Amino acid sequence: MKHRRVCARSLPGRYSALLAALLASFFLAESSARAECPTSGSPSRAVCKYSNSIFMPSAAGRIYLPGDDAGMGPWYGGGVQLILFTWSDNSDRFGPGQGKFFFDMGILSSGEDGSGQMVMYRGGANLSLERNASRNWLIPFFGFSIGGLHEKNLKRHGFVEGLLGVYVFYTANMILGIEGGYLFPFSDADSLAGFASQATLSVSLW
């Protein structure tokens, strides 16, 4: 058990490396996108076409790292996400070129003795940092969520979460996104505040 706790505490350092990689992708994506819609686009003019979708189903994998041993983490698991509305608009119009409004729910498990399964649910939005990315890959975004978690020992708690991430691939029919953020609970913050990360694959069925 002692060895496991040491490994768990090393995870935030690895998580910092993930955030650094996300930030590096922001700069790489920005430097690679010089041609803008509607005159050109990469890999084709298709990225310049406006598209949107509603009720897009998704599968997600999630990790949650509370900052204190009393949070009984780290927690790993998966779940489902429903994108209520998403759009892609690579143009000079005001506002983010890509974005989505979502609701998701997941079931997480911990290796701690006596821990139960955690149910985590949240709703929020992701908005791209670029107005006219003119591409369908490595699009950085920011976002937020508000939700709650419940586990038999930790009980029920609400939280808000700030997010940074990157759309690895973004088309009208498929979206692959990776995000990281920090979870701020409304209660027991000393035990439950911490980093969280999620990878989400969304596929349009129509």
N, C-alpha and C. Protein backbone atom coordinates (compact mmCIF):
# COMPACT_ATOMS: atom_id res chain seq x y z
N MET A 1 0.83 -1.21 0.00
CA MET A 1 0.00 0.00 0.00
C MET A 1 0.86 1.26 0.00
N LYS A 2 1.98 1.21 0.75
CA LYS A 2 2.85 2.37 0.81
C LYS A 2 3.43 2.70 -0.55
N HIS A 3 3.85 1.63 -1.28
CA HIS A 3 4.43 1.85 -2.62
C HIS A 3 3.39 2.47 -3.55
N ARG A 4 2.15 2.05 -3.45
CA ARG A 4 1.10 2.56 -4.31
C ARG A 4 0.85 4.05 -4.08
N ARG A 5 0.92 4.48 -2.81
CA ARG A 5 0.70 5.89 -2.53
C ARG A 5 1.80 6.76 -3.13
N VAL A 6 3.02 6.29 -3.11
CA VAL A 6 4.10 7.06 -3.71
C VAL A 6 3.89 7.22 -5.20
N CYS A 7 3.44 6.13 -5.87
CA CYS A 7 3.17 6.20 -7.31
C CYS A 7 2.05 7.15 -7.61
N ALA A 8 1.02 7.13 -6.74
CA ALA A 8 -0.12 8.02 -6.97
C ALA A 8 0.31 9.47 -6.88
N ARG A 9 1.23 9.78 -5.95
CA ARG A 9 1.65 11.17 -5.79
C ARG A 9 2.54 11.62 -6.94
N SER A 10 3.13 10.67 -7.65
CA SER A 10 3.96 11.05 -8.80
C SER A 10 3.13 11.39 -10.02
N LEU A 11 1.84 11.05 -10.01
CA LEU A 11 0.99 11.27 -11.16
C LEU A 11 0.80 12.74 -11.50
N PRO A 12 0.65 13.67 -10.52
CA PRO A 12 0.51 15.08 -10.90
C PRO A 12 1.68 15.58 -11.74
N GLY A 13 2.91 15.07 -11.47
CA GLY A 13 4.04 15.47 -12.29
C GLY A 13 3.87 15.02 -13.72
N ARG A 14 3.38 13.79 -13.91
CA ARG A 14 3.11 13.30 -15.25
C ARG A 14 1.99 14.11 -15.90
N TYR A 15 1.04 14.52 -15.07
CA TYR A 15 -0.07 15.31 -15.60
C TYR A 15 0.43 16.68 -16.07
N SER A 16 1.40 17.24 -15.33
CA SER A 16 1.99 18.51 -15.76
C SER A 16 2.65 18.37 -17.12
N ALA A 17 3.28 17.20 -17.35
CA ALA A 17 3.89 16.96 -18.66
C ALA A 17 2.83 16.91 -19.75
N LEU A 18 1.65 16.33 -19.44
CA LEU A 18 0.56 16.30 -20.41
C LEU A 18 0.09 17.70 -20.74
N LEU A 19 -0.05 18.56 -19.73
CA LEU A 19 -0.48 19.93 -19.97
C LEU A 19 0.56 20.68 -20.80
N ALA A 20 1.85 20.40 -20.54
CA ALA A 20 2.90 21.04 -21.33
C ALA A 20 2.80 20.61 -22.80
N ALA A 21 2.48 19.32 -23.01
CA ALA A 21 2.34 18.83 -24.38
C ALA A 21 1.15 19.48 -25.07
N LEU A 22 0.06 19.70 -24.33
CA LEU A 22 -1.11 20.36 -24.91
C LEU A 22 -0.76 21.79 -25.31
N LEU A 23 -0.04 22.50 -24.42
CA LEU A 23 0.34 23.87 -24.74
C LEU A 23 1.26 23.92 -25.95
N ALA A 24 2.18 22.94 -26.05
CA ALA A 24 3.07 22.89 -27.20
C ALA A 24 2.28 22.69 -28.49
N SER A 25 1.22 21.88 -28.42
CA SER A 25 0.40 21.64 -29.61
C SER A 25 -0.32 22.91 -30.05
N PHE A 26 -0.66 23.79 -29.07
CA PHE A 26 -1.29 25.06 -29.41
C PHE A 26 -0.37 25.87 -30.34
N PHE A 27 0.91 25.97 -29.94
CA PHE A 27 1.86 26.77 -30.72
C PHE A 27 2.16 26.13 -32.06
N LEU A 28 2.26 24.80 -32.10
CA LEU A 28 2.51 24.11 -33.36
C LEU A 28 1.34 24.30 -34.32
N ALA A 29 0.12 24.18 -33.78
CA ALA A 29 -1.06 24.34 -34.62
C ALA A 29 -1.14 25.76 -35.16
N GLU A 30 -0.87 26.73 -34.32
CA GLU A 30 -0.95 28.13 -34.74
C GLU A 30 0.08 28.45 -35.81
N SER A 31 1.30 27.92 -35.64
CA SER A 31 2.35 28.23 -36.60
C SER A 31 2.14 27.54 -37.93
N SER A 32 1.38 26.41 -37.93
CA SER A 32 1.18 25.65 -39.16
C SER A 32 -0.01 26.14 -39.98
N ALA A 33 -0.83 27.01 -39.40
CA ALA A 33 -2.06 27.44 -40.09
C ALA A 33 -1.91 28.88 -40.55
N ARG A 34 -1.34 29.06 -41.73
CA ARG A 34 -1.17 30.40 -42.28
C ARG A 34 -2.18 30.69 -43.38
N ALA A 35 -2.58 29.66 -44.15
CA ALA A 35 -3.59 29.85 -45.19
C ALA A 35 -4.96 29.80 -44.55
N GLU A 36 -5.81 30.77 -44.86
CA GLU A 36 -7.10 30.87 -44.19
C GLU A 36 -8.25 30.70 -45.17
N CYS A 37 -9.35 30.16 -44.65
CA CYS A 37 -10.59 30.10 -45.42
C CYS A 37 -11.08 31.54 -45.62
N PRO A 38 -11.83 31.83 -46.68
CA PRO A 38 -12.34 30.88 -47.68
C PRO A 38 -11.46 30.70 -48.90
N THR A 39 -10.31 31.41 -48.97
CA THR A 39 -9.50 31.34 -50.19
C THR A 39 -8.73 30.03 -50.30
N SER A 40 -8.43 29.41 -49.18
CA SER A 40 -7.70 28.14 -49.21
C SER A 40 -7.97 27.39 -47.92
N GLY A 41 -7.49 26.18 -47.87
CA GLY A 41 -7.68 25.38 -46.67
C GLY A 41 -6.86 24.13 -46.74
N SER A 42 -6.63 23.52 -45.60
CA SER A 42 -5.85 22.29 -45.55
C SER A 42 -6.62 21.29 -44.70
N PRO A 43 -6.80 20.04 -45.16
CA PRO A 43 -6.23 19.48 -46.40
C PRO A 43 -7.03 19.79 -47.66
N SER A 44 -8.22 20.38 -47.58
CA SER A 44 -9.01 20.67 -48.77
C SER A 44 -9.98 21.79 -48.44
N ARG A 45 -10.70 22.25 -49.47
CA ARG A 45 -11.70 23.29 -49.25
C ARG A 45 -12.83 22.83 -48.36
N ALA A 46 -12.92 21.52 -48.11
CA ALA A 46 -14.00 21.00 -47.26
C ALA A 46 -13.95 21.59 -45.86
N VAL A 47 -12.78 21.93 -45.36
CA VAL A 47 -12.69 22.48 -44.01
C VAL A 47 -13.28 23.87 -43.94
N CYS A 48 -13.48 24.52 -45.07
CA CYS A 48 -14.04 25.87 -45.09
C CYS A 48 -15.57 25.87 -45.06
N LYS A 49 -16.19 24.72 -45.20
CA LYS A 49 -17.64 24.65 -45.21
C LYS A 49 -18.19 24.65 -43.79
N TYR A 50 -19.22 25.44 -43.56
CA TYR A 50 -19.88 25.46 -42.25
C TYR A 50 -20.60 24.14 -42.01
N SER A 51 -20.51 23.63 -40.80
CA SER A 51 -21.24 22.40 -40.44
C SER A 51 -21.66 22.49 -38.98
N ASN A 52 -22.72 21.77 -38.64
CA ASN A 52 -23.14 21.65 -37.24
C ASN A 52 -23.83 20.32 -37.04
N SER A 53 -23.96 19.93 -35.80
CA SER A 53 -24.61 18.66 -35.48
C SER A 53 -25.24 18.77 -34.10
N ILE A 54 -26.31 18.02 -33.87
CA ILE A 54 -26.96 17.98 -32.56
C ILE A 54 -27.03 16.54 -32.08
N PHE A 55 -27.03 16.38 -30.76
CA PHE A 55 -27.19 15.08 -30.11
C PHE A 55 -26.20 14.05 -30.67
N MET A 56 -24.94 14.42 -30.63
CA MET A 56 -23.85 13.58 -31.14
C MET A 56 -23.34 12.68 -30.01
N PRO A 57 -23.45 11.35 -30.13
CA PRO A 57 -23.02 10.45 -29.05
C PRO A 57 -21.50 10.31 -29.01
N SER A 58 -20.98 10.06 -27.81
CA SER A 58 -19.53 10.00 -27.62
C SER A 58 -19.18 8.98 -26.54
N ALA A 59 -17.97 8.45 -26.64
CA ALA A 59 -17.38 7.60 -25.60
C ALA A 59 -16.18 8.33 -25.02
N ALA A 60 -15.95 8.16 -23.71
CA ALA A 60 -14.90 8.94 -23.05
C ALA A 60 -14.14 8.09 -22.05
N GLY A 61 -12.86 8.38 -21.89
CA GLY A 61 -12.04 7.83 -20.82
C GLY A 61 -11.55 8.98 -19.95
N ARG A 62 -11.58 8.78 -18.63
CA ARG A 62 -11.32 9.91 -17.72
C ARG A 62 -10.43 9.48 -16.56
N ILE A 63 -9.57 10.39 -16.12
CA ILE A 63 -8.77 10.23 -14.92
C ILE A 63 -8.96 11.46 -14.04
N TYR A 64 -9.06 11.22 -12.73
CA TYR A 64 -9.27 12.29 -11.76
C TYR A 64 -8.27 12.09 -10.63
N LEU A 65 -7.50 13.13 -10.31
CA LEU A 65 -6.42 13.06 -9.33
C LEU A 65 -6.66 14.04 -8.20
N PRO A 66 -7.40 13.65 -7.15
CA PRO A 66 -7.57 14.54 -6.00
C PRO A 66 -6.22 14.85 -5.38
N GLY A 67 -6.11 16.04 -4.81
CA GLY A 67 -4.83 16.48 -4.29
C GLY A 67 -4.45 15.93 -2.94
N ASP A 68 -5.30 15.13 -2.31
CA ASP A 68 -5.06 14.64 -0.96
C ASP A 68 -5.42 13.17 -0.88
N ASP A 69 -4.74 12.42 -0.03
CA ASP A 69 -5.03 10.99 0.14
C ASP A 69 -6.46 10.75 0.61
N ALA A 70 -7.04 11.74 1.32
CA ALA A 70 -8.41 11.58 1.78
C ALA A 70 -9.39 11.51 0.62
N GLY A 71 -8.95 11.96 -0.57
CA GLY A 71 -9.79 11.85 -1.76
C GLY A 71 -9.79 10.47 -2.37
N MET A 72 -8.96 9.56 -1.81
CA MET A 72 -8.96 8.14 -2.17
C MET A 72 -8.59 7.90 -3.63
N GLY A 73 -7.90 8.85 -4.25
CA GLY A 73 -7.53 8.69 -5.65
C GLY A 73 -6.18 8.02 -5.82
N PRO A 74 -5.71 7.92 -7.06
CA PRO A 74 -6.33 8.43 -8.28
C PRO A 74 -7.51 7.58 -8.74
N TRP A 75 -8.42 8.22 -9.50
CA TRP A 75 -9.62 7.56 -10.00
C TRP A 75 -9.53 7.44 -11.53
N TYR A 76 -9.85 6.26 -12.03
CA TYR A 76 -9.82 6.00 -13.47
C TYR A 76 -11.16 5.42 -13.91
N GLY A 77 -11.55 5.70 -15.12
CA GLY A 77 -12.78 5.08 -15.62
C GLY A 77 -13.18 5.62 -16.98
N GLY A 78 -14.42 5.38 -17.32
CA GLY A 78 -14.94 5.80 -18.61
C GLY A 78 -16.41 6.11 -18.52
N GLY A 79 -16.96 6.56 -19.62
CA GLY A 79 -18.37 6.91 -19.62
C GLY A 79 -18.83 7.32 -21.00
N VAL A 80 -19.94 8.02 -21.01
CA VAL A 80 -20.53 8.47 -22.27
C VAL A 80 -20.74 9.98 -22.21
N GLN A 81 -20.73 10.58 -23.37
CA GLN A 81 -20.99 12.02 -23.50
C GLN A 81 -21.99 12.23 -24.61
N LEU A 82 -22.88 13.17 -24.41
CA LEU A 82 -23.82 13.59 -25.45
C LEU A 82 -23.52 15.04 -25.79
N ILE A 83 -23.11 15.28 -27.04
CA ILE A 83 -22.90 16.65 -27.51
C ILE A 83 -24.26 17.21 -27.91
N LEU A 84 -24.71 18.20 -27.19
CA LEU A 84 -26.03 18.79 -27.45
C LEU A 84 -26.02 19.59 -28.74
N PHE A 85 -24.92 20.30 -28.97
CA PHE A 85 -24.77 21.08 -30.22
C PHE A 85 -23.29 21.32 -30.46
N THR A 86 -22.85 21.13 -31.70
CA THR A 86 -21.47 21.41 -32.08
C THR A 86 -21.44 22.06 -33.46
N TRP A 87 -20.42 22.87 -33.71
CA TRP A 87 -20.34 23.57 -34.99
C TRP A 87 -18.88 23.74 -35.40
N SER A 88 -18.69 23.92 -36.70
CA SER A 88 -17.39 24.29 -37.26
C SER A 88 -17.63 25.38 -38.30
N ASP A 89 -16.98 26.53 -38.11
CA ASP A 89 -17.20 27.68 -38.99
C ASP A 89 -15.87 28.41 -39.18
N ASN A 90 -15.05 27.92 -40.10
CA ASN A 90 -13.77 28.55 -40.39
C ASN A 90 -14.00 29.76 -41.30
N SER A 91 -14.18 30.91 -40.69
CA SER A 91 -14.45 32.14 -41.43
C SER A 91 -13.97 33.32 -40.60
N ASP A 92 -14.15 34.50 -41.13
CA ASP A 92 -13.74 35.71 -40.43
C ASP A 92 -14.84 36.28 -39.54
N ARG A 93 -15.94 35.53 -39.41
CA ARG A 93 -17.01 35.99 -38.52
C ARG A 93 -16.54 35.96 -37.07
N PHE A 94 -17.16 36.80 -36.25
CA PHE A 94 -16.78 36.92 -34.84
C PHE A 94 -17.08 35.63 -34.10
N GLY A 95 -16.19 35.25 -33.20
CA GLY A 95 -16.43 34.11 -32.32
C GLY A 95 -15.56 32.92 -32.65
N PRO A 96 -15.57 31.92 -31.78
CA PRO A 96 -14.74 30.73 -31.99
C PRO A 96 -15.19 29.94 -33.21
N GLY A 97 -14.22 29.42 -33.96
CA GLY A 97 -14.55 28.68 -35.18
C GLY A 97 -15.14 27.31 -34.91
N GLN A 98 -14.78 26.69 -33.80
CA GLN A 98 -15.31 25.38 -33.43
C GLN A 98 -15.75 25.40 -31.97
N GLY A 99 -16.71 24.58 -31.65
CA GLY A 99 -17.15 24.50 -30.26
C GLY A 99 -18.23 23.47 -30.06
N LYS A 100 -18.54 23.22 -28.80
CA LYS A 100 -19.61 22.27 -28.49
C LYS A 100 -20.15 22.54 -27.10
N PHE A 101 -21.41 22.18 -26.91
CA PHE A 101 -22.06 22.15 -25.61
C PHE A 101 -22.36 20.68 -25.31
N PHE A 102 -22.05 20.23 -24.11
CA PHE A 102 -22.09 18.80 -23.84
C PHE A 102 -22.62 18.48 -22.45
N PHE A 103 -23.02 17.22 -22.29
CA PHE A 103 -23.30 16.63 -20.98
C PHE A 103 -22.70 15.24 -20.98
N ASP A 104 -21.98 14.90 -19.90
CA ASP A 104 -21.43 13.55 -19.84
C ASP A 104 -21.55 12.96 -18.44
N MET A 105 -21.39 11.64 -18.38
CA MET A 105 -21.45 10.90 -17.13
C MET A 105 -20.48 9.74 -17.21
N GLY A 106 -19.74 9.51 -16.12
CA GLY A 106 -18.78 8.43 -16.10
C GLY A 106 -18.77 7.71 -14.77
N ILE A 107 -18.23 6.51 -14.76
CA ILE A 107 -18.04 5.70 -13.56
C ILE A 107 -16.55 5.47 -13.39
N LEU A 108 -16.01 5.89 -12.23
CA LEU A 108 -14.58 5.82 -11.96
C LEU A 108 -14.32 4.87 -10.79
N SER A 109 -13.16 4.24 -10.83
CA SER A 109 -12.75 3.32 -9.77
C SER A 109 -11.38 3.72 -9.24
N SER A 110 -11.14 3.36 -7.96
CA SER A 110 -9.86 3.62 -7.31
C SER A 110 -9.32 2.31 -6.74
N GLY A 111 -8.00 2.21 -6.64
CA GLY A 111 -7.39 1.02 -6.05
C GLY A 111 -7.34 1.04 -4.54
N GLU A 112 -7.83 2.12 -3.91
CA GLU A 112 -7.82 2.22 -2.46
C GLU A 112 -8.74 1.18 -1.83
N ASP A 113 -8.26 0.57 -0.74
CA ASP A 113 -9.08 -0.40 -0.01
C ASP A 113 -10.35 0.26 0.52
N GLY A 114 -11.47 -0.39 0.32
CA GLY A 114 -12.74 0.10 0.85
C GLY A 114 -13.42 1.13 -0.01
N SER A 115 -12.81 1.53 -1.11
CA SER A 115 -13.45 2.54 -1.96
C SER A 115 -14.52 1.90 -2.83
N GLY A 116 -15.55 2.69 -3.13
CA GLY A 116 -16.60 2.23 -4.03
C GLY A 116 -16.42 2.86 -5.40
N GLN A 117 -17.39 2.68 -6.24
CA GLN A 117 -17.35 3.31 -7.55
C GLN A 117 -17.86 4.74 -7.45
N MET A 118 -17.18 5.63 -8.13
CA MET A 118 -17.56 7.04 -8.15
C MET A 118 -18.35 7.33 -9.43
N VAL A 119 -19.47 8.00 -9.26
CA VAL A 119 -20.23 8.50 -10.40
C VAL A 119 -19.94 9.98 -10.53
N MET A 120 -19.48 10.39 -11.73
CA MET A 120 -19.18 11.80 -11.99
C MET A 120 -19.99 12.25 -13.19
N TYR A 121 -20.66 13.38 -13.07
CA TYR A 121 -21.48 13.91 -14.15
C TYR A 121 -21.24 15.41 -14.25
N ARG A 122 -21.34 15.94 -15.47
CA ARG A 122 -21.06 17.36 -15.67
C ARG A 122 -21.64 17.83 -17.00
N GLY A 123 -21.86 19.11 -17.10
CA GLY A 123 -22.28 19.75 -18.33
C GLY A 123 -21.43 20.99 -18.54
N GLY A 124 -21.19 21.33 -19.81
CA GLY A 124 -20.34 22.49 -20.05
C GLY A 124 -20.18 22.80 -21.51
N ALA A 125 -19.12 23.52 -21.82
CA ALA A 125 -18.86 23.95 -23.20
C ALA A 125 -17.36 23.98 -23.46
N ASN A 126 -16.99 23.68 -24.70
CA ASN A 126 -15.63 23.83 -25.19
C ASN A 126 -15.65 24.78 -26.39
N LEU A 127 -14.74 25.76 -26.41
CA LEU A 127 -14.70 26.77 -27.47
C LEU A 127 -13.27 26.89 -27.98
N SER A 128 -13.10 26.85 -29.30
CA SER A 128 -11.76 26.92 -29.87
C SER A 128 -11.14 28.30 -29.62
N LEU A 129 -9.83 28.31 -29.55
CA LEU A 129 -9.09 29.55 -29.34
C LEU A 129 -8.89 30.33 -30.64
N GLU A 130 -9.23 29.72 -31.77
CA GLU A 130 -9.04 30.36 -33.06
C GLU A 130 -10.39 30.62 -33.73
N ARG A 131 -10.47 31.73 -34.45
CA ARG A 131 -11.68 32.05 -35.19
C ARG A 131 -11.71 31.36 -36.54
N ASN A 132 -10.54 31.22 -37.15
CA ASN A 132 -10.47 30.67 -38.50
C ASN A 132 -9.25 29.75 -38.59
N ALA A 133 -9.40 28.54 -38.06
CA ALA A 133 -8.27 27.60 -38.03
C ALA A 133 -7.90 27.11 -39.42
N SER A 134 -8.88 27.00 -40.32
CA SER A 134 -8.66 26.55 -41.70
C SER A 134 -8.01 25.18 -41.77
N ARG A 135 -8.31 24.32 -40.81
CA ARG A 135 -7.81 22.96 -40.80
C ARG A 135 -8.75 22.14 -39.92
N ASN A 136 -8.62 20.82 -39.95
CA ASN A 136 -9.46 19.97 -39.11
C ASN A 136 -8.63 19.13 -38.14
N TRP A 137 -7.45 19.59 -37.78
CA TRP A 137 -6.60 18.86 -36.85
C TRP A 137 -5.86 19.84 -35.93
N LEU A 138 -5.55 19.37 -34.70
CA LEU A 138 -4.81 20.14 -33.70
C LEU A 138 -5.38 21.55 -33.53
N ILE A 139 -6.65 21.61 -33.15
CA ILE A 139 -7.32 22.89 -32.90
C ILE A 139 -7.42 23.08 -31.38
N PRO A 140 -6.71 24.04 -30.81
CA PRO A 140 -6.75 24.23 -29.35
C PRO A 140 -8.07 24.84 -28.90
N PHE A 141 -8.49 24.48 -27.69
CA PHE A 141 -9.73 25.04 -27.14
C PHE A 141 -9.60 25.25 -25.64
N PHE A 142 -10.51 26.06 -25.11
CA PHE A 142 -10.67 26.23 -23.68
C PHE A 142 -12.12 25.91 -23.35
N GLY A 143 -12.41 25.74 -22.07
CA GLY A 143 -13.79 25.42 -21.72
C GLY A 143 -14.02 25.42 -20.23
N PHE A 144 -15.21 25.02 -19.86
CA PHE A 144 -15.60 24.94 -18.45
C PHE A 144 -16.66 23.86 -18.32
N SER A 145 -16.84 23.38 -17.10
CA SER A 145 -17.95 22.48 -16.82
C SER A 145 -18.41 22.71 -15.39
N ILE A 146 -19.62 22.31 -15.12
CA ILE A 146 -20.18 22.31 -13.77
C ILE A 146 -20.89 20.99 -13.59
N GLY A 147 -20.71 20.36 -12.43
CA GLY A 147 -21.30 19.04 -12.25
C GLY A 147 -21.22 18.56 -10.82
N GLY A 148 -21.18 17.25 -10.66
CA GLY A 148 -21.15 16.66 -9.33
C GLY A 148 -20.52 15.29 -9.36
N LEU A 149 -20.17 14.81 -8.18
CA LEU A 149 -19.63 13.46 -8.03
C LEU A 149 -20.23 12.83 -6.78
N HIS A 150 -20.28 11.48 -6.80
CA HIS A 150 -20.82 10.77 -5.65
C HIS A 150 -20.10 9.44 -5.49
N GLU A 151 -19.70 9.16 -4.25
CA GLU A 151 -19.09 7.88 -3.89
C GLU A 151 -19.46 7.59 -2.45
N LYS A 152 -19.58 6.32 -2.07
CA LYS A 152 -20.16 5.96 -0.78
C LYS A 152 -19.40 6.53 0.42
N ASN A 153 -18.07 6.69 0.29
CA ASN A 153 -17.28 7.24 1.39
C ASN A 153 -17.16 8.76 1.32
N LEU A 154 -17.00 9.28 0.12
CA LEU A 154 -16.82 10.71 -0.06
C LEU A 154 -18.14 11.48 -0.07
N LYS A 155 -19.24 10.75 -0.27
CA LYS A 155 -20.58 11.34 -0.34
C LYS A 155 -20.73 12.16 -1.62
N ARG A 156 -21.66 13.10 -1.61
CA ARG A 156 -22.00 13.86 -2.82
C ARG A 156 -21.41 15.27 -2.74
N HIS A 157 -20.82 15.71 -3.86
CA HIS A 157 -20.22 17.04 -3.91
C HIS A 157 -20.41 17.64 -5.29
N GLY A 158 -20.68 18.93 -5.34
CA GLY A 158 -20.72 19.65 -6.60
C GLY A 158 -19.37 20.26 -6.91
N PHE A 159 -19.15 20.61 -8.17
CA PHE A 159 -17.86 21.19 -8.54
C PHE A 159 -18.00 22.04 -9.80
N VAL A 160 -17.00 22.89 -10.01
CA VAL A 160 -16.80 23.57 -11.29
C VAL A 160 -15.41 23.18 -11.78
N GLU A 161 -15.20 23.27 -13.09
CA GLU A 161 -13.94 22.80 -13.67
C GLU A 161 -13.53 23.74 -14.82
N GLY A 162 -12.29 24.19 -14.79
CA GLY A 162 -11.73 24.95 -15.91
C GLY A 162 -10.93 24.02 -16.80
N LEU A 163 -11.00 24.22 -18.12
CA LEU A 163 -10.45 23.25 -19.07
C LEU A 163 -9.57 23.91 -20.12
N LEU A 164 -8.54 23.17 -20.55
CA LEU A 164 -7.77 23.45 -21.75
C LEU A 164 -7.62 22.14 -22.51
N GLY A 165 -7.64 22.20 -23.83
CA GLY A 165 -7.52 20.97 -24.59
C GLY A 165 -7.22 21.21 -26.04
N VAL A 166 -7.24 20.13 -26.80
CA VAL A 166 -6.99 20.22 -28.24
C VAL A 166 -7.89 19.22 -28.95
N TYR A 167 -8.53 19.69 -30.03
CA TYR A 167 -9.23 18.78 -30.92
C TYR A 167 -8.19 18.14 -31.83
N VAL A 168 -7.87 16.89 -31.57
CA VAL A 168 -6.89 16.19 -32.39
C VAL A 168 -7.40 16.08 -33.83
N PHE A 169 -8.70 15.84 -33.95
CA PHE A 169 -9.34 15.72 -35.27
C PHE A 169 -10.76 16.23 -35.14
N TYR A 170 -11.19 17.10 -36.06
CA TYR A 170 -12.52 17.72 -35.95
C TYR A 170 -13.14 17.80 -37.34
N THR A 171 -14.14 16.96 -37.59
CA THR A 171 -14.90 17.01 -38.84
C THR A 171 -16.38 16.98 -38.50
N ALA A 172 -17.21 17.07 -39.53
CA ALA A 172 -18.66 17.06 -39.31
C ALA A 172 -19.13 15.70 -38.78
N ASN A 173 -18.38 14.63 -39.06
CA ASN A 173 -18.82 13.28 -38.69
C ASN A 173 -18.06 12.66 -37.53
N MET A 174 -16.89 13.22 -37.18
CA MET A 174 -16.10 12.65 -36.10
C MET A 174 -15.27 13.71 -35.42
N ILE A 175 -15.22 13.65 -34.09
CA ILE A 175 -14.42 14.58 -33.30
C ILE A 175 -13.63 13.77 -32.27
N LEU A 176 -12.33 13.98 -32.23
CA LEU A 176 -11.48 13.38 -31.20
C LEU A 176 -10.83 14.51 -30.43
N GLY A 177 -11.12 14.58 -29.13
CA GLY A 177 -10.59 15.66 -28.31
C GLY A 177 -9.90 15.15 -27.06
N ILE A 178 -8.87 15.86 -26.63
CA ILE A 178 -8.17 15.57 -25.38
C ILE A 178 -8.16 16.84 -24.55
N GLU A 179 -8.53 16.74 -23.29
CA GLU A 179 -8.62 17.93 -22.44
C GLU A 179 -8.03 17.65 -21.07
N GLY A 180 -7.56 18.70 -20.43
CA GLY A 180 -7.11 18.64 -19.06
C GLY A 180 -7.61 19.85 -18.32
N GLY A 181 -7.83 19.70 -17.04
CA GLY A 181 -8.34 20.83 -16.28
C GLY A 181 -8.16 20.63 -14.79
N TYR A 182 -8.68 21.57 -14.04
CA TYR A 182 -8.60 21.52 -12.58
C TYR A 182 -10.01 21.60 -12.02
N LEU A 183 -10.31 20.68 -11.13
CA LEU A 183 -11.64 20.54 -10.55
C LEU A 183 -11.68 21.26 -9.20
N PHE A 184 -12.64 22.19 -9.05
CA PHE A 184 -12.80 22.95 -7.82
C PHE A 184 -14.13 22.55 -7.16
N PRO A 185 -14.09 21.72 -6.11
CA PRO A 185 -15.35 21.29 -5.46
C PRO A 185 -15.93 22.41 -4.59
N PHE A 186 -17.24 22.36 -4.39
CA PHE A 186 -17.91 23.35 -3.55
C PHE A 186 -17.75 23.03 -2.07
N SER A 187 -17.32 21.81 -1.74
CA SER A 187 -17.10 21.40 -0.35
C SER A 187 -15.93 20.43 -0.30
N ASP A 188 -15.30 20.30 0.89
CA ASP A 188 -14.14 19.43 1.08
C ASP A 188 -13.06 19.70 0.02
N ALA A 189 -12.79 20.97 -0.22
CA ALA A 189 -11.84 21.33 -1.27
C ALA A 189 -10.44 20.81 -0.98
N ASP A 190 -10.03 20.76 0.29
CA ASP A 190 -8.69 20.30 0.62
C ASP A 190 -8.45 18.86 0.17
N SER A 191 -9.50 18.05 0.21
CA SER A 191 -9.37 16.64 -0.15
C SER A 191 -9.66 16.37 -1.62
N LEU A 192 -10.60 17.11 -2.20
CA LEU A 192 -11.14 16.74 -3.50
C LEU A 192 -10.68 17.62 -4.66
N ALA A 193 -10.13 18.79 -4.40
CA ALA A 193 -9.63 19.61 -5.50
C ALA A 193 -8.46 18.90 -6.17
N GLY A 194 -8.41 18.96 -7.49
CA GLY A 194 -7.30 18.31 -8.17
C GLY A 194 -7.46 18.31 -9.68
N PHE A 195 -6.48 17.72 -10.34
CA PHE A 195 -6.45 17.66 -11.80
C PHE A 195 -7.39 16.57 -12.32
N ALA A 196 -7.90 16.79 -13.52
CA ALA A 196 -8.70 15.80 -14.23
C ALA A 196 -8.37 15.89 -15.71
N SER A 197 -8.46 14.76 -16.39
CA SER A 197 -8.19 14.73 -17.82
C SER A 197 -9.16 13.77 -18.49
N GLN A 198 -9.50 14.05 -19.74
CA GLN A 198 -10.45 13.20 -20.46
C GLN A 198 -10.13 13.19 -21.95
N ALA A 199 -10.27 12.01 -22.55
CA ALA A 199 -10.20 11.84 -24.00
C ALA A 199 -11.58 11.43 -24.47
N THR A 200 -12.10 12.08 -25.53
CA THR A 200 -13.47 11.86 -25.98
C THR A 200 -13.49 11.65 -27.49
N LEU A 201 -14.17 10.60 -27.90
CA LEU A 201 -14.37 10.32 -29.33
C LEU A 201 -15.87 10.41 -29.63
N SER A 202 -16.24 11.29 -30.56
CA SER A 202 -17.62 11.53 -30.91
C SER A 202 -17.84 11.18 -32.37
N VAL A 203 -18.94 10.50 -32.65
CA VAL A 203 -19.24 10.07 -34.01
C VAL A 203 -20.70 10.42 -34.33
N SER A 204 -20.90 11.09 -35.46
CA SER A 204 -22.26 11.43 -35.89
C SER A 204 -22.94 10.22 -36.50
N LEU A 205 -24.17 9.96 -36.09
CA LEU A 205 -24.94 8.82 -36.61
C LEU A 205 -25.87 9.22 -37.74
N TRP A 206 -25.92 10.52 -38.05
CA TRP A 206 -26.80 10.98 -39.13
C TRP A 206 -26.20 12.20 -39.81
